[in-house]
């Protein structure tokens, strides 16, 4: 026990957090490369997008224009 918190589920929690970070990273890469006419983005900009996605309350507001641009180019079903 660390800080009165049980560590019984730590492997599952680690796996979930790792999968969560992987999904955030892949989403950030997809958002940065969604516009084919844009110049290639730097790793710093992609990491910044990932950080904004991690803190989604501020991130979605900050990335709103980029998200709307991707949604406008997505074909409707």
PDB file of N, CA and C in Angstrom:
ATOM      1  N   UNK A   1       0.831  -1.173   0.000  1.00  0.00           N
ATOM      2  CA  UNK A   1       0.000   0.000   0.000  1.00  0.00           C
ATOM      3  C   UNK A   1       0.884   1.249   0.000  1.00  0.00           C
ATOM      4  N   UNK A   2       0.533   2.163  -0.842  1.00  0.00           N
ATOM      5  CA  UNK A   2       1.244   3.435  -0.915  1.00  0.00           C
ATOM      6  C   UNK A   2       0.229   4.538  -0.667  1.00  0.00           C
ATOM      7  N   UNK A   3       0.446   5.295   0.353  1.00  0.00           N
ATOM      8  CA  UNK A   3      -0.476   6.384   0.668  1.00  0.00           C
ATOM      9  C   UNK A   3      -1.886   5.899   0.910  1.00  0.00           C
ATOM     10  N   UNK A   4      -2.028   4.738   1.525  1.00  0.00           N
ATOM     11  CA  UNK A   4      -3.313   4.108   1.823  1.00  0.00           C
ATOM     12  C   UNK A   4      -4.124   3.769   0.569  1.00  0.00           C
ATOM     13  N   UNK A   5      -3.440   3.684  -0.579  1.00  0.00           N
ATOM     14  CA  UNK A   5      -4.088   3.252  -1.816  1.00  0.00           C
ATOM     15  C   UNK A   5      -3.582   1.860  -2.161  1.00  0.00           C
ATOM     16  N   UNK A   6      -4.477   0.966  -2.451  1.00  0.00           N
ATOM     17  CA  UNK A   6      -4.109  -0.396  -2.779  1.00  0.00           C
ATOM     18  C   UNK A   6      -3.437  -0.441  -4.153  1.00  0.00           C
ATOM     19  N   UNK A   7      -2.433  -1.274  -4.298  1.00  0.00           N
ATOM     20  CA  UNK A   7      -1.736  -1.437  -5.567  1.00  0.00           C
ATOM     21  C   UNK A   7      -2.144  -2.742  -6.254  1.00  0.00           C
ATOM     22  N   UNK A   8      -3.268  -3.327  -5.859  1.00  0.00           N
ATOM     23  CA  UNK A   8      -3.693  -4.602  -6.421  1.00  0.00           C
ATOM     24  C   UNK A   8      -3.976  -4.521  -7.916  1.00  0.00           C
ATOM     25  N   UNK A   9      -4.523  -3.422  -8.386  1.00  0.00           N
ATOM     26  CA  UNK A   9      -4.892  -3.295  -9.786  1.00  0.00           C
ATOM     27  C   UNK A   9      -3.895  -2.480 -10.591  1.00  0.00           C
ATOM     28  N   UNK A  10      -2.699  -2.298 -10.121  1.00  0.00           N
ATOM     29  CA  UNK A  10      -1.752  -1.430 -10.811  1.00  0.00           C
ATOM     30  C   UNK A  10      -1.376  -1.911 -12.209  1.00  0.00           C
ATOM     31  N   UNK A  11      -1.219  -3.217 -12.494  1.00  0.00           N
ATOM     32  CA  UNK A  11      -0.933  -3.595 -13.881  1.00  0.00           C
ATOM     33  C   UNK A  11      -2.065  -3.215 -14.837  1.00  0.00           C
ATOM     34  N   UNK A  12      -3.292  -3.399 -14.410  1.00  0.00           N
ATOM     35  CA  UNK A  12      -4.420  -3.030 -15.264  1.00  0.00           C
ATOM     36  C   UNK A  12      -4.505  -1.521 -15.429  1.00  0.00           C
ATOM     37  N   UNK A  13      -4.248  -0.782 -14.354  1.00  0.00           N
ATOM     38  CA  UNK A  13      -4.276   0.680 -14.439  1.00  0.00           C
ATOM     39  C   UNK A  13      -3.156   1.188 -15.346  1.00  0.00           C
ATOM     40  N   UNK A  14      -1.979   0.587 -15.250  1.00  0.00           N
ATOM     41  CA  UNK A  14      -0.871   0.982 -16.122  1.00  0.00           C
ATOM     42  C   UNK A  14      -1.202   0.707 -17.579  1.00  0.00           C
ATOM     43  N   UNK A  15      -1.774  -0.446 -17.867  1.00  0.00           N
ATOM     44  CA  UNK A  15      -2.138  -0.790 -19.234  1.00  0.00           C
ATOM     45  C   UNK A  15      -3.203   0.165 -19.782  1.00  0.00           C
ATOM     46  N   UNK A  16      -4.178   0.491 -18.962  1.00  0.00           N
ATOM     47  CA  UNK A  16      -5.211   1.439 -19.387  1.00  0.00           C
ATOM     48  C   UNK A  16      -4.605   2.807 -19.680  1.00  0.00           C
ATOM     49  N   UNK A  17      -3.743   3.288 -18.799  1.00  0.00           N
ATOM     50  CA  UNK A  17      -3.138   4.601 -18.989  1.00  0.00           C
ATOM     51  C   UNK A  17      -2.236   4.617 -20.219  1.00  0.00           C
ATOM     52  N   UNK A  18      -1.497   3.534 -20.441  1.00  0.00           N
ATOM     53  CA  UNK A  18      -0.648   3.444 -21.624  1.00  0.00           C
ATOM     54  C   UNK A  18      -1.498   3.445 -22.898  1.00  0.00           C
ATOM     55  N   UNK A  19      -2.606   2.705 -22.894  1.00  0.00           N
ATOM     56  CA  UNK A  19      -3.499   2.692 -24.055  1.00  0.00           C
ATOM     57  C   UNK A  19      -4.134   4.065 -24.264  1.00  0.00           C
ATOM     58  N   UNK A  20      -4.477   4.741 -23.175  1.00  0.00           N
ATOM     59  CA  UNK A  20      -5.048   6.083 -23.253  1.00  0.00           C
ATOM     60  C   UNK A  20      -4.055   7.061 -23.882  1.00  0.00           C
ATOM     61  N   UNK A  21      -2.808   7.017 -23.447  1.00  0.00           N
ATOM     62  CA  UNK A  21      -1.790   7.893 -24.022  1.00  0.00           C
ATOM     63  C   UNK A  21      -1.517   7.559 -25.482  1.00  0.00           C
ATOM     64  N   UNK A  22      -1.540   6.279 -25.833  1.00  0.00           N
ATOM     65  CA  UNK A  22      -1.354   5.868 -27.219  1.00  0.00           C
ATOM     66  C   UNK A  22      -2.473   6.435 -28.098  1.00  0.00           C
ATOM     67  N   UNK A  23      -3.704   6.337 -27.625  1.00  0.00           N
ATOM     68  CA  UNK A  23      -4.841   6.864 -28.392  1.00  0.00           C
ATOM     69  C   UNK A  23      -4.764   8.379 -28.534  1.00  0.00           C
ATOM     70  N   UNK A  24      -4.358   9.069 -27.495  1.00  0.00           N
ATOM     71  CA  UNK A  24      -4.205  10.523 -27.578  1.00  0.00           C
ATOM     72  C   UNK A  24      -3.111  10.878 -28.591  1.00  0.00           C
ATOM     73  N   UNK A  25      -2.027  10.149 -28.576  1.00  0.00           N
ATOM     74  CA  UNK A  25      -0.944  10.401 -29.528  1.00  0.00           C
ATOM     75  C   UNK A  25      -1.370  10.173 -30.962  1.00  0.00           C
ATOM     76  N   UNK A  26      -2.070   9.081 -31.208  1.00  0.00           N
ATOM     77  CA  UNK A  26      -2.533   8.793 -32.574  1.00  0.00           C
ATOM     78  C   UNK A  26      -3.563   9.823 -33.038  1.00  0.00           C
ATOM     79  N   UNK A  27      -4.414  10.282 -32.132  1.00  0.00           N
ATOM     80  CA  UNK A  27      -5.392  11.310 -32.483  1.00  0.00           C
ATOM     81  C   UNK A  27      -4.694  12.624 -32.803  1.00  0.00           C
ATOM     82  N   UNK A  28      -3.682  12.981 -32.043  1.00  0.00           N
ATOM     83  CA  UNK A  28      -2.929  14.206 -32.307  1.00  0.00           C
ATOM     84  C   UNK A  28      -2.247  14.144 -33.666  1.00  0.00           C
ATOM     85  N   UNK A  29      -1.670  13.005 -33.997  1.00  0.00           N
ATOM     86  CA  UNK A  29      -1.027  12.841 -35.307  1.00  0.00           C
ATOM     87  C   UNK A  29      -2.068  12.952 -36.420  1.00  0.00           C
ATOM     88  N   UNK A  30      -3.221  12.339 -36.229  1.00  0.00           N
ATOM     89  CA  UNK A  30      -4.280  12.407 -37.238  1.00  0.00           C
ATOM     90  C   UNK A  30      -4.786  13.835 -37.427  1.00  0.00           C
ATOM     91  N   UNK A  31      -4.941  14.579 -36.339  1.00  0.00           N
ATOM     92  CA  UNK A  31      -5.380  15.969 -36.457  1.00  0.00           C
ATOM     93  C   UNK A  31      -4.346  16.832 -37.168  1.00  0.00           C
ATOM     94  N   UNK A  32      -3.085  16.594 -36.899  1.00  0.00           N
ATOM     95  CA  UNK A  32      -2.035  17.401 -37.521  1.00  0.00           C
ATOM     96  C   UNK A  32      -1.840  17.080 -38.995  1.00  0.00           C
ATOM     97  N   UNK A  33      -2.143  15.862 -39.408  1.00  0.00           N
ATOM     98  CA  UNK A  33      -1.941  15.471 -40.806  1.00  0.00           C
ATOM     99  C   UNK A  33      -3.245  15.428 -41.596  1.00  0.00           C
ATOM    100  N   UNK A  34      -4.338  15.920 -41.037  1.00  0.00           N
ATOM    101  CA  UNK A  34      -5.636  15.838 -41.712  1.00  0.00           C
ATOM    102  C   UNK A  34      -5.717  16.755 -42.919  1.00  0.00           C
ATOM    103  N   UNK A  35      -5.022  17.869 -42.889  1.00  0.00           N
ATOM    104  CA  UNK A  35      -5.063  18.805 -44.007  1.00  0.00           C
ATOM    105  C   UNK A  35      -3.904  18.500 -44.951  1.00  0.00           C
ATOM    106  N   UNK A  36      -4.193  17.911 -46.138  1.00  0.00           N
ATOM    107  CA  UNK A  36      -3.095  17.523 -47.027  1.00  0.00           C
ATOM    108  C   UNK A  36      -2.356  18.719 -47.635  1.00  0.00           C
ATOM    109  N   UNK A  37      -2.980  19.893 -47.662  1.00  0.00           N
ATOM    110  CA  UNK A  37      -2.320  21.054 -48.253  1.00  0.00           C
ATOM    111  C   UNK A  37      -1.403  21.772 -47.266  1.00  0.00           C
ATOM    112  N   UNK A  38      -1.485  21.436 -46.001  1.00  0.00           N
ATOM    113  CA  UNK A  38      -0.658  22.100 -44.986  1.00  0.00           C
ATOM    114  C   UNK A  38       0.764  21.549 -45.013  1.00  0.00           C
ATOM    115  N   UNK A  39       1.681  22.356 -44.535  1.00  0.00           N
ATOM    116  CA  UNK A  39       3.077  21.935 -44.446  1.00  0.00           C
ATOM    117  C   UNK A  39       3.217  20.872 -43.355  1.00  0.00           C
ATOM    118  N   UNK A  40       4.220  20.028 -43.469  1.00  0.00           N
ATOM    119  CA  UNK A  40       4.435  19.030 -42.406  1.00  0.00           C
ATOM    120  C   UNK A  40       4.639  19.714 -41.055  1.00  0.00           C
ATOM    121  N   UNK A  41       4.081  19.119 -40.034  1.00  0.00           N
ATOM    122  CA  UNK A  41       4.158  19.729 -38.705  1.00  0.00           C
ATOM    123  C   UNK A  41       5.356  19.191 -37.939  1.00  0.00           C
ATOM    124  N   UNK A  42       5.786  19.965 -36.975  1.00  0.00           N
ATOM    125  CA  UNK A  42       6.917  19.560 -36.148  1.00  0.00           C
ATOM    126  C   UNK A  42       6.442  18.631 -35.030  1.00  0.00           C
ATOM    127  N   UNK A  43       7.376  17.954 -34.426  1.00  0.00           N
ATOM    128  CA  UNK A  43       7.064  17.069 -33.311  1.00  0.00           C
ATOM    129  C   UNK A  43       6.538  17.879 -32.135  1.00  0.00           C
ATOM    130  N   UNK A  44       7.044  19.093 -31.951  1.00  0.00           N
ATOM    131  CA  UNK A  44       6.580  19.942 -30.859  1.00  0.00           C
ATOM    132  C   UNK A  44       5.119  20.317 -30.994  1.00  0.00           C
ATOM    133  N   UNK A  45       4.688  20.608 -32.231  1.00  0.00           N
ATOM    134  CA  UNK A  45       3.285  20.958 -32.441  1.00  0.00           C
ATOM    135  C   UNK A  45       2.394  19.741 -32.195  1.00  0.00           C
ATOM    136  N   UNK A  46       2.837  18.573 -32.618  1.00  0.00           N
ATOM    137  CA  UNK A  46       2.073  17.355 -32.380  1.00  0.00           C
ATOM    138  C   UNK A  46       1.991  17.056 -30.887  1.00  0.00           C
ATOM    139  N   UNK A  47       3.089  17.238 -30.161  1.00  0.00           N
ATOM    140  CA  UNK A  47       3.069  17.031 -28.705  1.00  0.00           C
ATOM    141  C   UNK A  47       2.181  18.058 -28.021  1.00  0.00           C
ATOM    142  N   UNK A  48       2.169  19.280 -28.530  1.00  0.00           N
ATOM    143  CA  UNK A  48       1.276  20.299 -27.988  1.00  0.00           C
ATOM    144  C   UNK A  48      -0.179  19.932 -28.184  1.00  0.00           C
ATOM    145  N   UNK A  49      -0.513  19.408 -29.371  1.00  0.00           N
ATOM    146  CA  UNK A  49      -1.876  18.957 -29.634  1.00  0.00           C
ATOM    147  C   UNK A  49      -2.237  17.802 -28.715  1.00  0.00           C
ATOM    148  N   UNK A  50      -1.303  16.881 -28.498  1.00  0.00           N
ATOM    149  CA  UNK A  50      -1.554  15.757 -27.596  1.00  0.00           C
ATOM    150  C   UNK A  50      -1.797  16.243 -26.177  1.00  0.00           C
ATOM    151  N   UNK A  51      -1.024  17.240 -25.738  1.00  0.00           N
ATOM    152  CA  UNK A  51      -1.225  17.777 -24.396  1.00  0.00           C
ATOM    153  C   UNK A  51      -2.587  18.445 -24.276  1.00  0.00           C
ATOM    154  N   UNK A  52      -2.999  19.167 -25.321  1.00  0.00           N
ATOM    155  CA  UNK A  52      -4.319  19.794 -25.301  1.00  0.00           C
ATOM    156  C   UNK A  52      -5.432  18.746 -25.294  1.00  0.00           C
ATOM    157  N   UNK A  53      -5.226  17.637 -25.986  1.00  0.00           N
ATOM    158  CA  UNK A  53      -6.219  16.564 -25.956  1.00  0.00           C
ATOM    159  C   UNK A  53      -6.258  15.896 -24.588  1.00  0.00           C
ATOM    160  N   UNK A  54      -5.112  15.794 -23.933  1.00  0.00           N
ATOM    161  CA  UNK A  54      -5.071  15.193 -22.604  1.00  0.00           C
ATOM    162  C   UNK A  54      -5.880  16.028 -21.619  1.00  0.00           C
ATOM    163  N   UNK A  55      -5.720  17.336 -21.687  1.00  0.00           N
ATOM    164  CA  UNK A  55      -6.508  18.247 -20.862  1.00  0.00           C
ATOM    165  C   UNK A  55      -7.694  18.709 -21.696  1.00  0.00           C
ATOM    166  N   UNK A  56      -8.635  17.808 -21.919  1.00  0.00           N
ATOM    167  CA  UNK A  56      -9.670  17.985 -22.937  1.00  0.00           C
ATOM    168  C   UNK A  56     -10.601  19.162 -22.704  1.00  0.00           C
ATOM    169  N   UNK A  57     -10.805  19.594 -21.475  1.00  0.00           N
ATOM    170  CA  UNK A  57     -11.706  20.719 -21.228  1.00  0.00           C
ATOM    171  C   UNK A  57     -11.186  21.966 -21.939  1.00  0.00           C
ATOM    172  N   UNK A  58      -9.902  22.234 -21.806  1.00  0.00           N
ATOM    173  CA  UNK A  58      -9.291  23.379 -22.484  1.00  0.00           C
ATOM    174  C   UNK A  58      -8.933  23.002 -23.915  1.00  0.00           C
ATOM    175  N   UNK A  59      -8.505  21.771 -24.110  1.00  0.00           N
ATOM    176  CA  UNK A  59      -8.026  21.339 -25.420  1.00  0.00           C
ATOM    177  C   UNK A  59      -9.068  21.396 -26.509  1.00  0.00           C
ATOM    178  N   UNK A  60     -10.265  20.954 -26.237  1.00  0.00           N
ATOM    179  CA  UNK A  60     -11.312  20.959 -27.264  1.00  0.00           C
ATOM    180  C   UNK A  60     -11.664  22.390 -27.642  1.00  0.00           C
ATOM    181  N   UNK A  61     -11.678  23.283 -26.661  1.00  0.00           N
ATOM    182  CA  UNK A  61     -11.952  24.689 -26.943  1.00  0.00           C
ATOM    183  C   UNK A  61     -10.829  25.287 -27.795  1.00  0.00           C
ATOM    184  N   UNK A  62      -9.581  24.975 -27.444  1.00  0.00           N
ATOM    185  CA  UNK A  62      -8.433  25.515 -28.150  1.00  0.00           C
ATOM    186  C   UNK A  62      -8.334  24.949 -29.569  1.00  0.00           C
ATOM    187  N   UNK A  63      -8.651  23.669 -29.756  1.00  0.00           N
ATOM    188  CA  UNK A  63      -8.533  22.990 -31.048  1.00  0.00           C
ATOM    189  C   UNK A  63      -9.825  23.034 -31.857  1.00  0.00           C
ATOM    190  N   UNK A  64     -10.793  23.812 -31.448  1.00  0.00           N
ATOM    191  CA  UNK A  64     -12.126  23.819 -32.068  1.00  0.00           C
ATOM    192  C   UNK A  64     -12.064  24.042 -33.579  1.00  0.00           C
ATOM    193  N   UNK A  65     -11.312  25.023 -34.032  1.00  0.00           N
ATOM    194  CA  UNK A  65     -11.252  25.324 -35.461  1.00  0.00           C
ATOM    195  C   UNK A  65     -10.656  24.157 -36.255  1.00  0.00           C
ATOM    196  N   UNK A  66      -9.636  23.527 -35.711  1.00  0.00           N
ATOM    197  CA  UNK A  66      -9.041  22.381 -36.395  1.00  0.00           C
ATOM    198  C   UNK A  66     -10.018  21.207 -36.443  1.00  0.00           C
ATOM    199  N   UNK A  67     -10.741  20.982 -35.346  1.00  0.00           N
ATOM    200  CA  UNK A  67     -11.720  19.895 -35.302  1.00  0.00           C
ATOM    201  C   UNK A  67     -12.874  20.153 -36.280  1.00  0.00           C
ATOM    202  N   UNK A  68     -13.337  21.393 -36.357  1.00  0.00           N
ATOM    203  CA  UNK A  68     -14.410  21.726 -37.298  1.00  0.00           C
ATOM    204  C   UNK A  68     -13.939  21.577 -38.743  1.00  0.00           C
ATOM    205  N   UNK A  69     -12.683  21.911 -39.011  1.00  0.00           N
ATOM    206  CA  UNK A  69     -12.136  21.734 -40.350  1.00  0.00           C
ATOM    207  C   UNK A  69     -12.083  20.275 -40.766  1.00  0.00           C
ATOM    208  N   UNK A  70     -11.682  19.414 -39.839  1.00  0.00           N
ATOM    209  CA  UNK A  70     -11.647  17.972 -40.131  1.00  0.00           C
ATOM    210  C   UNK A  70     -13.070  17.447 -40.332  1.00  0.00           C
ATOM    211  N   UNK A  71     -14.009  17.911 -39.501  1.00  0.00           N
ATOM    212  CA  UNK A  71     -15.399  17.471 -39.626  1.00  0.00           C
ATOM    213  C   UNK A  71     -16.008  17.922 -40.951  1.00  0.00           C
ATOM    214  N   UNK A  72     -15.627  19.098 -41.440  1.00  0.00           N
ATOM    215  CA  UNK A  72     -16.174  19.582 -42.703  1.00  0.00           C
ATOM    216  C   UNK A  72     -15.665  18.770 -43.885  1.00  0.00           C
ATOM    217  N   UNK A  73     -14.447  18.251 -43.797  1.00  0.00           N
ATOM    218  CA  UNK A  73     -13.894  17.443 -44.883  1.00  0.00           C
ATOM    219  C   UNK A  73     -14.294  15.976 -44.825  1.00  0.00           C
ATOM    220  N   UNK A  74     -14.892  15.560 -43.729  1.00  0.00           N
ATOM    221  CA  UNK A  74     -15.301  14.163 -43.582  1.00  0.00           C
ATOM    222  C   UNK A  74     -16.601  13.937 -44.330  1.00  0.00           C
ATOM    223  N   UNK A  75     -16.655  12.932 -45.196  1.00  0.00           N
ATOM    224  CA  UNK A  75     -17.906  12.666 -45.922  1.00  0.00           C
ATOM    225  C   UNK A  75     -18.997  12.175 -44.968  1.00  0.00           C
ATOM    226  N   UNK A  76     -20.191  12.697 -45.152  1.00  0.00           N
ATOM    227  CA  UNK A  76     -21.299  12.268 -44.288  1.00  0.00           C
ATOM    228  C   UNK A  76     -21.837  10.938 -44.767  1.00  0.00           C
ATOM    229  N   UNK A  77     -22.375  10.187 -43.843  1.00  0.00           N
ATOM    230  CA  UNK A  77     -22.876   8.848 -44.159  1.00  0.00           C
ATOM    231  C   UNK A  77     -24.327   8.912 -44.548  1.00  0.00           C
TER     232      UNK A  77
END
